[in-house]
Structure formats: C-alpha cells, structure tokens
Amino acid sequence: MNHTLMRLLECLFALALAAILFFVLAAGPVKAADVTVTHAFASYHDCRSCGYNEFNPGVGLEVPVSDRWYIGGGIYENSMSDRDTGRVTERTKYLGVGYEYRVARYLTIGAEGGRLWGYREFKWMAAPTVSIGTDRLNIKAIIVPTVVTGFQLRVGFEL
C-alpha cells in the first residue's frame, strides 16, 4: 500500500475515533463504573520455533459507547521482546473500537479493530474475540491474524 493512501487511512481512522469520542462525551458523562480496566498477560503463537516472547503484561481501558460498542486503548509488552533475557525491546500502544455480543450467560463473542504502534509487520488490526465471565470480571481471548506466522492468541482479563 502506498504511503499517501496509508496516511489518508490513518487520518480517516483518527477522525472516526474523534467523532466516536465526541458523541460519547456529548451523550453525557461516562460513569467510572462503566469504564473497564483491561490487563494483558500472555499470548500463544502458532510458530513455536520463532522465539516469540509469550509473556505480555500490559494495561488498557475500554469505554462504552453503547450496550455493545466500546472504544479502547492501552499499552503492552509485545511478542517481539526478548524472551530469553527478559529485556523489553518492543511495547505496543493501541487505540481502537470493539463490538461484543453476549451469546450465553457467561459467553460473549465480538471483534476488535484499530491502530497499533510498536510492531514491524503491521499497523492495523482486526480480530475476533471471545470472553468468558461476567461484565465485571472476565477472561478475553483475541485471535490475531499475523502477516508473518499465521495467528497469535492473546489472552488477558478485564475488571
């Protein structure tokens, strides 16, 4: 994809996020109880010989836009960090939107998409999610398709 088109897409995405944030704030104050704190902690890669770090601590926030939509952002240690020495070489910052649909009492499916900073292979992400738990405490798995190895399974929990 050429540089001009990529910059245009980044600007459109930033405008879309700004519009979402504007409408959230215009709808009234967001209660602290509605904000979800997310904690990333692990990932699994289908390429077992690639040497990826699979301990990925991080923290983020999700702010509801409606009953099913949210905007979120945060930071975590990504899989490019050196797992043998424990030295953090790459941190990923992200900002995006998500959609969730409860299919059973303790099971939610959805999707997330957004902009990532800190990876060499890609800068945009869209991925399905599965959460097990309640609205206030759950474990969420994100199945991230990757350019290099096929897929990555990222797991974290939310409070």
C-alpha atoms as a PDB file:
ATOM      1  CA  MET A   1       0.000   0.000   0.000  1.00  0.00           C
ATOM      2  CA  ASN A   2       1.497   3.358  -0.920  1.00  0.00           C
ATOM      3  CA  HIS A   3       2.456   5.931   1.703  1.00  0.00           C
ATOM      4  CA  THR A   4      -0.160   8.530   0.670  1.00  0.00           C
ATOM      5  CA  LEU A   5      -3.011   6.048   0.887  1.00  0.00           C
ATOM      6  CA  MET A   6      -1.768   4.827   4.284  1.00  0.00           C
ATOM      7  CA  ARG A   7      -1.631   8.399   5.625  1.00  0.00           C
ATOM      8  CA  LEU A   8      -5.149   9.030   4.301  1.00  0.00           C
ATOM      9  CA  LEU A   9      -6.463   5.895   6.033  1.00  0.00           C
ATOM     10  CA  GLU A  10      -4.730   6.902   9.274  1.00  0.00           C
ATOM     11  CA  CYS A  11      -6.336  10.361   9.093  1.00  0.00           C
ATOM     12  CA  LEU A  12      -9.782   8.868   8.412  1.00  0.00           C
ATOM     13  CA  PHE A  13      -9.369   6.462  11.309  1.00  0.00           C
ATOM     14  CA  ALA A  14      -8.297   9.292  13.635  1.00  0.00           C
ATOM     15  CA  LEU A  15     -11.322  11.349  12.545  1.00  0.00           C
ATOM     16  CA  ALA A  16     -13.642   8.379  13.135  1.00  0.00           C
ATOM     17  CA  LEU A  17     -12.239   7.859  16.639  1.00  0.00           C
ATOM     18  CA  ALA A  18     -12.555  11.580  17.359  1.00  0.00           C
ATOM     19  CA  ALA A  19     -16.191  11.502  16.190  1.00  0.00           C
ATOM     20  CA  ILE A  20     -16.942   8.488  18.382  1.00  0.00           C
ATOM     21  CA  LEU A  21     -15.307  10.164  21.381  1.00  0.00           C
ATOM     22  CA  PHE A  22     -17.272  13.369  20.689  1.00  0.00           C
ATOM     23  CA  PHE A  23     -20.604  11.504  20.598  1.00  0.00           C
ATOM     24  CA  VAL A  24     -19.730   9.568  23.763  1.00  0.00           C
ATOM     25  CA  LEU A  25     -18.929  12.785  25.617  1.00  0.00           C
ATOM     26  CA  ALA A  26     -21.956  14.586  24.146  1.00  0.00           C
ATOM     27  CA  ALA A  27     -24.260  11.799  25.347  1.00  0.00           C
ATOM     28  CA  GLY A  28     -23.364  12.605  28.942  1.00  0.00           C
ATOM     29  CA  PRO A  29     -20.674  11.804  31.433  1.00  0.00           C
ATOM     30  CA  VAL A  30     -19.263   8.301  31.463  1.00  0.00           C
ATOM     31  CA  LYS A  31     -19.502   6.792  34.932  1.00  0.00           C
ATOM     32  CA  ALA A  32     -16.313   5.342  36.364  1.00  0.00           C
ATOM     33  CA  ALA A  33     -18.208   2.082  36.948  1.00  0.00           C
ATOM     34  CA  ASP A  34     -18.760   1.791  33.178  1.00  0.00           C
ATOM     35  CA  VAL A  35     -15.045   2.008  32.323  1.00  0.00           C
ATOM     36  CA  THR A  36     -13.339  -1.385  32.050  1.00  0.00           C
ATOM     37  CA  VAL A  37      -9.690  -1.830  33.004  1.00  0.00           C
ATOM     38  CA  THR A  38      -8.018  -4.463  30.828  1.00  0.00           C
ATOM     39  CA  HIS A  39      -4.886  -6.435  31.689  1.00  0.00           C
ATOM     40  CA  ALA A  40      -2.916  -8.243  29.015  1.00  0.00           C
ATOM     41  CA  PHE A  41      -0.715 -11.055  30.246  1.00  0.00           C
ATOM     42  CA  ALA A  42       0.009 -13.774  27.690  1.00  0.00           C
ATOM     43  CA  SER A  43      -0.022 -14.803  24.065  1.00  0.00           C
ATOM     44  CA  TYR A  44       0.376 -18.015  22.116  1.00  0.00           C
ATOM     45  CA  HIS A  45       1.869 -18.164  18.598  1.00  0.00           C
ATOM     46  CA  ASP A  46       1.387 -20.940  16.087  1.00  0.00           C
ATOM     47  CA  CYS A  47       5.064 -20.619  15.089  1.00  0.00           C
ATOM     48  CA  ARG A  48       6.658 -22.440  18.017  1.00  0.00           C
ATOM     49  CA  SER A  49      10.230 -22.097  16.671  1.00  0.00           C
ATOM     50  CA  CYS A  50      10.136 -18.334  16.011  1.00  0.00           C
ATOM     51  CA  GLY A  51      11.303 -17.333  19.502  1.00  0.00           C
ATOM     52  CA  TYR A  52       8.408 -15.028  20.340  1.00  0.00           C
ATOM     53  CA  ASN A  53       8.014 -13.728  23.887  1.00  0.00           C
ATOM     54  CA  GLU A  54       4.683 -15.061  25.162  1.00  0.00           C
ATOM     55  CA  PHE A  55       4.596 -13.166  28.469  1.00  0.00           C
ATOM     56  CA  ASN A  56       2.970  -9.850  27.534  1.00  0.00           C
ATOM     57  CA  PRO A  57       1.999  -7.733  30.549  1.00  0.00           C
ATOM     58  CA  GLY A  58       0.055  -4.575  29.856  1.00  0.00           C
ATOM     59  CA  VAL A  59      -2.888  -2.406  30.802  1.00  0.00           C
ATOM     60  CA  GLY A  60      -5.652  -0.602  28.953  1.00  0.00           C
ATOM     61  CA  LEU A  61      -9.093   0.958  29.227  1.00  0.00           C
ATOM     62  CA  GLU A  62     -12.371   0.296  27.443  1.00  0.00           C
ATOM     63  CA  VAL A  63     -15.070   2.985  27.483  1.00  0.00           C
ATOM     64  CA  PRO A  64     -18.598   2.006  26.393  1.00  0.00           C
ATOM     65  CA  VAL A  65     -20.215   3.853  23.509  1.00  0.00           C
ATOM     66  CA  SER A  66     -23.416   1.780  23.666  1.00  0.00           C
ATOM     67  CA  ASP A  67     -24.548  -1.559  25.114  1.00  0.00           C
ATOM     68  CA  ARG A  68     -22.356  -3.425  22.608  1.00  0.00           C
ATOM     69  CA  TRP A  69     -19.765  -0.950  21.250  1.00  0.00           C
ATOM     70  CA  TYR A  70     -16.717   0.451  23.041  1.00  0.00           C
ATOM     71  CA  ILE A  71     -13.554   2.395  22.348  1.00  0.00           C
ATOM     72  CA  GLY A  72     -10.341   1.230  23.929  1.00  0.00           C
ATOM     73  CA  GLY A  73      -6.665   1.853  24.202  1.00  0.00           C
ATOM     74  CA  GLY A  74      -3.621   0.819  26.159  1.00  0.00           C
ATOM     75  CA  ILE A  75      -0.079  -0.469  26.137  1.00  0.00           C
ATOM     76  CA  TYR A  76       1.503  -3.916  26.483  1.00  0.00           C
ATOM     77  CA  GLU A  77       4.836  -5.644  26.029  1.00  0.00           C
ATOM     78  CA  ASN A  78       4.592  -7.282  22.657  1.00  0.00           C
ATOM     79  CA  SER A  79       5.925 -10.595  21.449  1.00  0.00           C
ATOM     80  CA  MET A  80       8.982  -9.081  19.765  1.00  0.00           C
ATOM     81  CA  SER A  81      10.610  -8.535  23.182  1.00  0.00           C
ATOM     82  CA  ASP A  82      13.485 -10.859  24.056  1.00  0.00           C
ATOM     83  CA  ARG A  83      12.049 -13.805  25.984  1.00  0.00           C
ATOM     84  CA  ASP A  84      15.454 -15.250  26.883  1.00  0.00           C
ATOM     85  CA  THR A  85      16.833 -12.145  28.601  1.00  0.00           C
ATOM     86  CA  GLY A  86      13.510 -10.636  29.657  1.00  0.00           C
ATOM     87  CA  ARG A  87      14.637  -7.343  28.077  1.00  0.00           C
ATOM     88  CA  VAL A  88      11.688  -5.317  26.793  1.00  0.00           C
ATOM     89  CA  THR A  89      12.540  -4.292  23.259  1.00  0.00           C
ATOM     90  CA  GLU A  90       9.060  -3.555  21.977  1.00  0.00           C
ATOM     91  CA  ARG A  91       5.975  -2.083  23.613  1.00  0.00           C
ATOM     92  CA  THR A  92       2.772  -1.778  21.662  1.00  0.00           C
ATOM     93  CA  LYS A  93       0.338   1.067  22.111  1.00  0.00           C
ATOM     94  CA  TYR A  94      -3.117   0.628  20.642  1.00  0.00           C
ATOM     95  CA  LEU A  95      -6.313   2.562  20.068  1.00  0.00           C
ATOM     96  CA  GLY A  96      -9.445   1.136  18.538  1.00  0.00           C
ATOM     97  CA  VAL A  97     -13.076   0.121  18.688  1.00  0.00           C
ATOM     98  CA  GLY A  98     -14.774  -3.099  19.684  1.00  0.00           C
ATOM     99  CA  TYR A  99     -18.131  -4.816  19.484  1.00  0.00           C
ATOM    100  CA  GLU A 100     -19.413  -7.508  21.853  1.00  0.00           C
ATOM    101  CA  TYR A 101     -22.489  -9.719  21.788  1.00  0.00           C
ATOM    102  CA  ARG A 102     -23.472 -11.942  24.719  1.00  0.00           C
ATOM    103  CA  VAL A 103     -24.494 -15.365  23.376  1.00  0.00           C
ATOM    104  CA  ALA A 104     -24.924 -17.069  26.768  1.00  0.00           C
ATOM    105  CA  ARG A 105     -24.849 -16.081  30.430  1.00  0.00           C
ATOM    106  CA  TYR A 106     -21.038 -16.250  30.683  1.00  0.00           C
ATOM    107  CA  LEU A 107     -20.031 -16.248  26.992  1.00  0.00           C
ATOM    108  CA  THR A 108     -19.503 -13.178  24.802  1.00  0.00           C
ATOM    109  CA  ILE A 109     -18.222 -13.031  21.227  1.00  0.00           C
ATOM    110  CA  GLY A 110     -17.122  -9.939  19.371  1.00  0.00           C
ATOM    111  CA  ALA A 111     -14.497  -8.194  17.312  1.00  0.00           C
ATOM    112  CA  GLU A 112     -11.878  -5.505  17.833  1.00  0.00           C
ATOM    113  CA  GLY A 113     -10.084  -3.333  15.349  1.00  0.00           C
ATOM    114  CA  GLY A 114      -7.748  -0.418  15.481  1.00  0.00           C
ATOM    115  CA  ARG A 115      -4.343   1.141  15.116  1.00  0.00           C
ATOM    116  CA  LEU A 116      -1.221  -0.380  16.666  1.00  0.00           C
ATOM    117  CA  TRP A 117       2.135   1.289  17.243  1.00  0.00           C
ATOM    118  CA  GLY A 118       5.173  -0.877  18.047  1.00  0.00           C
ATOM    119  CA  TYR A 119       5.044  -3.776  15.584  1.00  0.00           C
ATOM    120  CA  ARG A 120       7.183  -4.055  12.488  1.00  0.00           C
ATOM    121  CA  GLU A 121       4.802  -6.247  10.418  1.00  0.00           C
ATOM    122  CA  PHE A 122       1.521  -4.354  10.616  1.00  0.00           C
ATOM    123  CA  LYS A 123      -0.057  -1.228  11.971  1.00  0.00           C
ATOM    124  CA  TRP A 124      -3.764  -2.044  11.678  1.00  0.00           C
ATOM    125  CA  MET A 125      -5.539  -4.933  13.338  1.00  0.00           C
ATOM    126  CA  ALA A 126      -8.981  -6.525  13.147  1.00  0.00           C
ATOM    127  CA  ALA A 127      -9.636  -9.677  15.119  1.00  0.00           C
ATOM    128  CA  PRO A 128     -12.432 -11.798  16.615  1.00  0.00           C
ATOM    129  CA  THR A 129     -12.736 -12.019  20.403  1.00  0.00           C
ATOM    130  CA  VAL A 130     -14.220 -14.497  22.874  1.00  0.00           C
ATOM    131  CA  SER A 131     -14.862 -13.609  26.530  1.00  0.00           C
ATOM    132  CA  ILE A 132     -15.809 -15.947  29.350  1.00  0.00           C
ATOM    133  CA  GLY A 133     -17.128 -14.426  32.561  1.00  0.00           C
ATOM    134  CA  THR A 134     -19.373 -11.602  33.707  1.00  0.00           C
ATOM    135  CA  ASP A 135     -19.482  -7.939  32.693  1.00  0.00           C
ATOM    136  CA  ARG A 136     -17.291  -7.050  35.677  1.00  0.00           C
ATOM    137  CA  LEU A 137     -14.736  -9.887  35.565  1.00  0.00           C
ATOM    138  CA  ASN A 138     -13.877 -11.977  32.542  1.00  0.00           C
ATOM    139  CA  ILE A 139     -11.090 -13.508  30.521  1.00  0.00           C
ATOM    140  CA  LYS A 140     -10.920 -12.365  26.900  1.00  0.00           C
ATOM    141  CA  ALA A 141      -9.061 -14.126  24.091  1.00  0.00           C
ATOM    142  CA  ILE A 142      -8.235 -12.227  20.904  1.00  0.00           C
ATOM    143  CA  ILE A 143      -7.317 -14.275  17.846  1.00  0.00           C
ATOM    144  CA  VAL A 144      -4.961 -12.006  15.899  1.00  0.00           C
ATOM    145  CA  PRO A 145      -4.097 -12.977  12.324  1.00  0.00           C
ATOM    146  CA  THR A 146      -0.463 -12.083  11.631  1.00  0.00           C
ATOM    147  CA  VAL A 147       1.396 -11.423   8.432  1.00  0.00           C
ATOM    148  CA  VAL A 148       4.435 -13.490   9.379  1.00  0.00           C
ATOM    149  CA  THR A 149       3.282 -16.634  11.178  1.00  0.00           C
ATOM    150  CA  GLY A 150      -0.450 -17.178  10.707  1.00  0.00           C
ATOM    151  CA  PHE A 151      -2.076 -16.327  14.029  1.00  0.00           C
ATOM    152  CA  GLN A 152      -1.461 -15.206  17.579  1.00  0.00           C
ATOM    153  CA  LEU A 153      -3.780 -15.848  20.504  1.00  0.00           C
ATOM    154  CA  ARG A 154      -3.651 -13.013  23.049  1.00  0.00           C
ATOM    155  CA  VAL A 155      -5.247 -13.582  26.457  1.00  0.00           C
ATOM    156  CA  GLY A 156      -5.986 -11.103  29.202  1.00  0.00           C
ATOM    157  CA  PHE A 157      -8.552 -10.364  31.852  1.00  0.00           C
ATOM    158  CA  GLU A 158     -10.858  -7.442  32.484  1.00  0.00           C
ATOM    159  CA  LEU A 159     -12.107  -5.853  35.665  1.00  0.00           C
END
